[in-house]
Amino acid sequence: MQRTILGLHHVTATVNQAQPDLDFYRGALGLRLVKKTVNFDNPNVYHFYYGDERGMPGTIWTTFPYGGWGVAPGRHGAGQITTTSFSVPAGSLSSWALRLQDNGVSFQEDSAAGGIAIVVTDPSGLQVRLIEARNDSRTPWTGSGLSADMAILGLHSVTLTVTDPGPSVSFARWGLCHGQRERTAP
């Protein structure tokens, strides 16, 4: 039986400094800081969890701010998720444009697969896309002052850039098939 991936559970990124990360994701984008913990492998580094009110799978974006801890910055391009996309309500991009301008965040309009979008760059240089999603019924986090007709609904998709897609596609197919066998085994 062929299975499809229904969505993303969460996306995690390594970022630079903690405060600009919080200011951007909590402030400019209005995401909820669900939890602040530490990286268990390096307790000097925070692990921020952003998402909806309950921290539901499919809404969670997490970051490790490694700035100042001797970790070399990542290289943009092949081998990384080059864009993380979030769903926003249909018709909200003009409001997003105003909010981003008010927060000093530059953006570009983009016609992404599945809708119209705005692309911004976070303080660590990561691309974030806000996509108008017409069929996304998730309840957004509105506690940060954003109205429900504007607030981020959750993760939409990621763009993974690779030099050769073969191994990634094989891995994804293997994982789906392997997972199916485990579920049906007695």
C-alpha atoms as a PDB file:
ATOM      1  CA  MET A   1       0.000   0.000   0.000  1.00  0.00           C
ATOM      2  CA  GLN A   2       1.355   3.417  -0.978  1.00  0.00           C
ATOM      3  CA  ARG A   3       1.168   5.893   1.917  1.00  0.00           C
ATOM      4  CA  THR A   4       1.488   9.637   1.723  1.00  0.00           C
ATOM      5  CA  ILE A   5       3.042  12.012   4.187  1.00  0.00           C
ATOM      6  CA  LEU A   6       0.165  13.959   5.696  1.00  0.00           C
ATOM      7  CA  GLY A   7       2.186  16.852   7.070  1.00  0.00           C
ATOM      8  CA  LEU A   8       5.098  18.023   9.146  1.00  0.00           C
ATOM      9  CA  HIS A   9       5.278  17.316  12.869  1.00  0.00           C
ATOM     10  CA  HIS A  10       7.772  20.143  13.513  1.00  0.00           C
ATOM     11  CA  VAL A  11      10.744  21.902  11.957  1.00  0.00           C
ATOM     12  CA  THR A  12      13.939  22.766  13.847  1.00  0.00           C
ATOM     13  CA  ALA A  13      16.645  25.239  12.860  1.00  0.00           C
ATOM     14  CA  THR A  14      19.970  26.376  14.234  1.00  0.00           C
ATOM     15  CA  VAL A  15      19.955  30.162  14.508  1.00  0.00           C
ATOM     16  CA  ASN A  16      22.355  32.838  15.688  1.00  0.00           C
ATOM     17  CA  GLN A  17      21.370  34.938  18.733  1.00  0.00           C
ATOM     18  CA  ALA A  18      18.495  34.210  21.126  1.00  0.00           C
ATOM     19  CA  GLN A  19      16.958  37.686  21.541  1.00  0.00           C
ATOM     20  CA  PRO A  20      16.661  38.545  17.824  1.00  0.00           C
ATOM     21  CA  ASP A  21      15.142  35.082  17.288  1.00  0.00           C
ATOM     22  CA  LEU A  22      12.520  35.708  19.994  1.00  0.00           C
ATOM     23  CA  ASP A  23      11.847  39.221  18.710  1.00  0.00           C
ATOM     24  CA  PHE A  24      11.263  37.982  15.171  1.00  0.00           C
ATOM     25  CA  TYR A  25       9.191  34.839  15.768  1.00  0.00           C
ATOM     26  CA  ARG A  26       7.219  36.065  18.807  1.00  0.00           C
ATOM     27  CA  GLY A  27       7.149  39.726  17.877  1.00  0.00           C
ATOM     28  CA  ALA A  28       7.002  40.157  14.113  1.00  0.00           C
ATOM     29  CA  LEU A  29       5.350  36.815  13.282  1.00  0.00           C
ATOM     30  CA  GLY A  30       3.239  36.587  16.436  1.00  0.00           C
ATOM     31  CA  LEU A  31       4.026  32.942  17.189  1.00  0.00           C
ATOM     32  CA  ARG A  32       3.503  31.697  20.725  1.00  0.00           C
ATOM     33  CA  LEU A  33       6.578  30.709  22.712  1.00  0.00           C
ATOM     34  CA  VAL A  34       5.236  27.318  23.789  1.00  0.00           C
ATOM     35  CA  LYS A  35       8.300  26.276  25.747  1.00  0.00           C
ATOM     36  CA  LYS A  36      11.849  27.402  26.507  1.00  0.00           C
ATOM     37  CA  THR A  37      14.243  24.651  27.465  1.00  0.00           C
ATOM     38  CA  VAL A  38      17.894  23.858  26.737  1.00  0.00           C
ATOM     39  CA  ASN A  39      19.681  21.726  24.210  1.00  0.00           C
ATOM     40  CA  PHE A  40      20.260  18.469  26.076  1.00  0.00           C
ATOM     41  CA  ASP A  41      23.591  17.957  24.269  1.00  0.00           C
ATOM     42  CA  ASN A  42      24.750  21.486  25.134  1.00  0.00           C
ATOM     43  CA  PRO A  43      22.836  22.924  28.129  1.00  0.00           C
ATOM     44  CA  ASN A  44      24.374  26.369  27.498  1.00  0.00           C
ATOM     45  CA  VAL A  45      22.120  26.732  24.439  1.00  0.00           C
ATOM     46  CA  TYR A  46      18.383  27.434  24.606  1.00  0.00           C
ATOM     47  CA  HIS A  47      15.813  25.395  22.692  1.00  0.00           C
ATOM     48  CA  PHE A  48      12.801  27.560  21.826  1.00  0.00           C
ATOM     49  CA  TYR A  49       9.492  25.963  20.811  1.00  0.00           C
ATOM     50  CA  TYR A  50       7.021  28.201  18.958  1.00  0.00           C
ATOM     51  CA  GLY A  51       3.536  27.107  17.938  1.00  0.00           C
ATOM     52  CA  ASP A  52      -0.169  27.301  18.620  1.00  0.00           C
ATOM     53  CA  GLU A  53      -1.848  27.542  22.018  1.00  0.00           C
ATOM     54  CA  ARG A  54      -1.439  23.829  22.812  1.00  0.00           C
ATOM     55  CA  GLY A  55       1.794  23.152  20.945  1.00  0.00           C
ATOM     56  CA  MET A  56       0.054  20.813  18.515  1.00  0.00           C
ATOM     57  CA  PRO A  57       2.045  18.788  15.967  1.00  0.00           C
ATOM     58  CA  GLY A  58       2.115  20.612  12.663  1.00  0.00           C
ATOM     59  CA  THR A  59       2.438  24.031  14.306  1.00  0.00           C
ATOM     60  CA  ILE A  60       5.821  23.685  16.001  1.00  0.00           C
ATOM     61  CA  TRP A  61       8.891  25.597  14.843  1.00  0.00           C
ATOM     62  CA  THR A  62      11.884  25.167  17.148  1.00  0.00           C
ATOM     63  CA  THR A  63      15.241  26.911  17.205  1.00  0.00           C
ATOM     64  CA  PHE A  64      18.628  26.453  18.843  1.00  0.00           C
ATOM     65  CA  PRO A  65      20.369  29.861  19.150  1.00  0.00           C
ATOM     66  CA  TYR A  66      24.028  28.827  18.915  1.00  0.00           C
ATOM     67  CA  GLY A  67      25.485  32.330  18.445  1.00  0.00           C
ATOM     68  CA  GLY A  68      28.535  32.834  20.642  1.00  0.00           C
ATOM     69  CA  TRP A  69      29.050  29.143  21.425  1.00  0.00           C
ATOM     70  CA  GLY A  70      31.754  28.363  18.858  1.00  0.00           C
ATOM     71  CA  VAL A  71      29.495  26.674  16.318  1.00  0.00           C
ATOM     72  CA  ALA A  72      30.324  27.538  12.721  1.00  0.00           C
ATOM     73  CA  PRO A  73      27.439  29.224  10.881  1.00  0.00           C
ATOM     74  CA  GLY A  74      25.556  27.039   8.431  1.00  0.00           C
ATOM     75  CA  ARG A  75      26.026  27.388   4.700  1.00  0.00           C
ATOM     76  CA  HIS A  76      23.006  28.348   2.618  1.00  0.00           C
ATOM     77  CA  GLY A  77      22.205  26.029  -0.275  1.00  0.00           C
ATOM     78  CA  ALA A  78      22.277  22.318  -0.991  1.00  0.00           C
ATOM     79  CA  GLY A  79      21.926  20.141   2.080  1.00  0.00           C
ATOM     80  CA  GLN A  80      19.569  22.367   4.027  1.00  0.00           C
ATOM     81  CA  ILE A  81      15.949  23.349   4.292  1.00  0.00           C
ATOM     82  CA  THR A  82      16.181  26.597   2.350  1.00  0.00           C
ATOM     83  CA  THR A  83      12.656  27.861   3.108  1.00  0.00           C
ATOM     84  CA  THR A  84      10.193  27.082   5.890  1.00  0.00           C
ATOM     85  CA  SER A  85       6.619  27.982   4.961  1.00  0.00           C
ATOM     86  CA  PHE A  86       3.780  28.792   7.346  1.00  0.00           C
ATOM     87  CA  SER A  87       0.053  28.835   6.488  1.00  0.00           C
ATOM     88  CA  VAL A  88      -1.813  32.093   6.965  1.00  0.00           C
ATOM     89  CA  PRO A  89      -5.520  32.700   6.347  1.00  0.00           C
ATOM     90  CA  ALA A  90      -6.653  33.517   2.821  1.00  0.00           C
ATOM     91  CA  GLY A  91      -6.813  37.256   2.247  1.00  0.00           C
ATOM     92  CA  SER A  92      -4.356  38.130   5.024  1.00  0.00           C
ATOM     93  CA  LEU A  93      -1.219  38.993   3.048  1.00  0.00           C
ATOM     94  CA  SER A  94      -2.005  42.715   2.774  1.00  0.00           C
ATOM     95  CA  SER A  95      -2.299  42.814   6.587  1.00  0.00           C
ATOM     96  CA  TRP A  96       0.958  40.860   6.845  1.00  0.00           C
ATOM     97  CA  ALA A  97       2.683  43.363   4.551  1.00  0.00           C
ATOM     98  CA  LEU A  98       1.658  46.205   6.880  1.00  0.00           C
ATOM     99  CA  ARG A  99       2.685  44.287  10.017  1.00  0.00           C
ATOM    100  CA  LEU A 100       6.072  43.404   8.579  1.00  0.00           C
ATOM    101  CA  GLN A 101       6.670  47.015   7.528  1.00  0.00           C
ATOM    102  CA  ASP A 102       5.689  48.208  11.025  1.00  0.00           C
ATOM    103  CA  ASN A 103       8.237  45.754  12.479  1.00  0.00           C
ATOM    104  CA  GLY A 104      11.003  46.873  10.083  1.00  0.00           C
ATOM    105  CA  VAL A 105      11.025  43.519   8.257  1.00  0.00           C
ATOM    106  CA  SER A 106      11.565  43.654   4.506  1.00  0.00           C
ATOM    107  CA  PHE A 107       9.704  41.123   2.365  1.00  0.00           C
ATOM    108  CA  GLN A 108       9.084  40.037  -1.195  1.00  0.00           C
ATOM    109  CA  GLU A 109       5.879  38.830  -2.769  1.00  0.00           C
ATOM    110  CA  ASP A 110       6.090  35.307  -4.139  1.00  0.00           C
ATOM    111  CA  SER A 111       3.778  33.007  -6.027  1.00  0.00           C
ATOM    112  CA  ALA A 112       4.402  29.750  -4.206  1.00  0.00           C
ATOM    113  CA  ALA A 113       2.910  26.402  -5.052  1.00  0.00           C
ATOM    114  CA  GLY A 114      -0.475  26.291  -3.414  1.00  0.00           C
ATOM    115  CA  GLY A 115      -1.102  30.025  -3.090  1.00  0.00           C
ATOM    116  CA  ILE A 116       0.157  33.567  -2.991  1.00  0.00           C
ATOM    117  CA  ALA A 117       2.915  34.264  -0.509  1.00  0.00           C
ATOM    118  CA  ILE A 118       5.301  36.686   1.145  1.00  0.00           C
ATOM    119  CA  VAL A 119       8.930  35.713   1.770  1.00  0.00           C
ATOM    120  CA  VAL A 120      10.995  37.243   4.567  1.00  0.00           C
ATOM    121  CA  THR A 121      14.456  36.579   5.928  1.00  0.00           C
ATOM    122  CA  ASP A 122      14.805  36.053   9.671  1.00  0.00           C
ATOM    123  CA  PRO A 123      17.666  37.612  11.717  1.00  0.00           C
ATOM    124  CA  SER A 124      19.837  34.523  11.122  1.00  0.00           C
ATOM    125  CA  GLY A 125      19.375  34.604   7.347  1.00  0.00           C
ATOM    126  CA  LEU A 126      16.766  31.831   7.107  1.00  0.00           C
ATOM    127  CA  GLN A 127      13.981  32.242   4.573  1.00  0.00           C
ATOM    128  CA  VAL A 128      10.427  32.139   5.894  1.00  0.00           C
ATOM    129  CA  ARG A 129       7.422  32.070   3.574  1.00  0.00           C
ATOM    130  CA  LEU A 130       3.885  33.016   4.604  1.00  0.00           C
ATOM    131  CA  ILE A 131       1.457  31.257   2.251  1.00  0.00           C
ATOM    132  CA  GLU A 132      -2.244  31.994   1.987  1.00  0.00           C
ATOM    133  CA  ALA A 133      -3.825  28.602   2.555  1.00  0.00           C
ATOM    134  CA  ARG A 134      -7.447  28.427   1.499  1.00  0.00           C
ATOM    135  CA  ASN A 135      -8.180  25.012   3.006  1.00  0.00           C
ATOM    136  CA  ASP A 136      -6.387  25.158   6.346  1.00  0.00           C
ATOM    137  CA  SER A 137      -8.908  24.828   9.187  1.00  0.00           C
ATOM    138  CA  ARG A 138      -6.424  24.886  12.098  1.00  0.00           C
ATOM    139  CA  THR A 139      -7.092  27.346  14.910  1.00  0.00           C
ATOM    140  CA  PRO A 140      -4.373  30.012  15.071  1.00  0.00           C
ATOM    141  CA  TRP A 141      -2.688  31.401  18.174  1.00  0.00           C
ATOM    142  CA  THR A 142      -4.219  34.842  18.726  1.00  0.00           C
ATOM    143  CA  GLY A 143      -2.766  35.605  22.173  1.00  0.00           C
ATOM    144  CA  SER A 144      -0.049  37.780  20.683  1.00  0.00           C
ATOM    145  CA  GLY A 145      -2.557  40.365  19.497  1.00  0.00           C
ATOM    146  CA  LEU A 146      -3.057  39.059  15.984  1.00  0.00           C
ATOM    147  CA  SER A 147      -6.644  38.447  14.934  1.00  0.00           C
ATOM    148  CA  ALA A 148      -7.751  34.979  13.807  1.00  0.00           C
ATOM    149  CA  ASP A 149      -8.179  36.272  10.245  1.00  0.00           C
ATOM    150  CA  MET A 150      -4.437  37.019  10.114  1.00  0.00           C
ATOM    151  CA  ALA A 151      -2.514  34.830  12.607  1.00  0.00           C
ATOM    152  CA  ILE A 152      -0.274  31.974  11.497  1.00  0.00           C
ATOM    153  CA  LEU A 153      -2.158  28.664  11.361  1.00  0.00           C
ATOM    154  CA  GLY A 154       0.867  26.363  11.484  1.00  0.00           C
ATOM    155  CA  LEU A 155       3.529  24.835   9.279  1.00  0.00           C
ATOM    156  CA  HIS A 156       2.684  24.630   5.587  1.00  0.00           C
ATOM    157  CA  SER A 157       5.771  23.027   4.016  1.00  0.00           C
ATOM    158  CA  VAL A 158       9.527  23.144   3.706  1.00  0.00           C
ATOM    159  CA  THR A 159      11.778  23.472   0.701  1.00  0.00           C
ATOM    160  CA  LEU A 160      14.735  21.110   0.930  1.00  0.00           C
ATOM    161  CA  THR A 161      17.566  21.856  -1.465  1.00  0.00           C
ATOM    162  CA  VAL A 162      19.732  18.895  -2.458  1.00  0.00           C
ATOM    163  CA  THR A 163      22.251  18.285  -5.243  1.00  0.00           C
ATOM    164  CA  ASP A 164      20.874  14.797  -5.955  1.00  0.00           C
ATOM    165  CA  PRO A 165      17.264  14.080  -4.893  1.00  0.00           C
ATOM    166  CA  GLY A 166      17.596  10.307  -5.333  1.00  0.00           C
ATOM    167  CA  PRO A 167      18.824   9.383  -1.827  1.00  0.00           C
ATOM    168  CA  SER A 168      16.288  11.684  -0.108  1.00  0.00           C
ATOM    169  CA  VAL A 169      13.401  10.299  -2.156  1.00  0.00           C
ATOM    170  CA  SER A 170      14.553   6.717  -1.498  1.00  0.00           C
ATOM    171  CA  PHE A 171      14.823   7.400   2.229  1.00  0.00           C
ATOM    172  CA  ALA A 172      11.335   8.907   2.368  1.00  0.00           C
ATOM    173  CA  ARG A 173       9.858   5.990   0.417  1.00  0.00           C
ATOM    174  CA  TRP A 174      11.700   3.440   2.575  1.00  0.00           C
ATOM    175  CA  GLY A 175      10.476   5.124   5.748  1.00  0.00           C
ATOM    176  CA  LEU A 176       6.879   5.042   4.562  1.00  0.00           C
ATOM    177  CA  CYS A 177       7.097   1.395   3.518  1.00  0.00           C
ATOM    178  CA  HIS A 178       8.997   0.392   6.673  1.00  0.00           C
ATOM    179  CA  GLY A 179       6.506   2.177   8.883  1.00  0.00           C
ATOM    180  CA  GLN A 180       3.605   0.450   7.133  1.00  0.00           C
ATOM    181  CA  ARG A 181       5.144  -2.987   7.677  1.00  0.00           C
ATOM    182  CA  GLU A 182       5.693  -2.274  11.363  1.00  0.00           C
ATOM    183  CA  ARG A 183       2.066  -1.236  11.814  1.00  0.00           C
ATOM    184  CA  THR A 184       0.664  -4.344  10.137  1.00  0.00           C
ATOM    185  CA  ALA A 185       3.028  -6.890  11.687  1.00  0.00           C
ATOM    186  CA  PRO A 186       1.385  -9.161  14.325  1.00  0.00           C
END
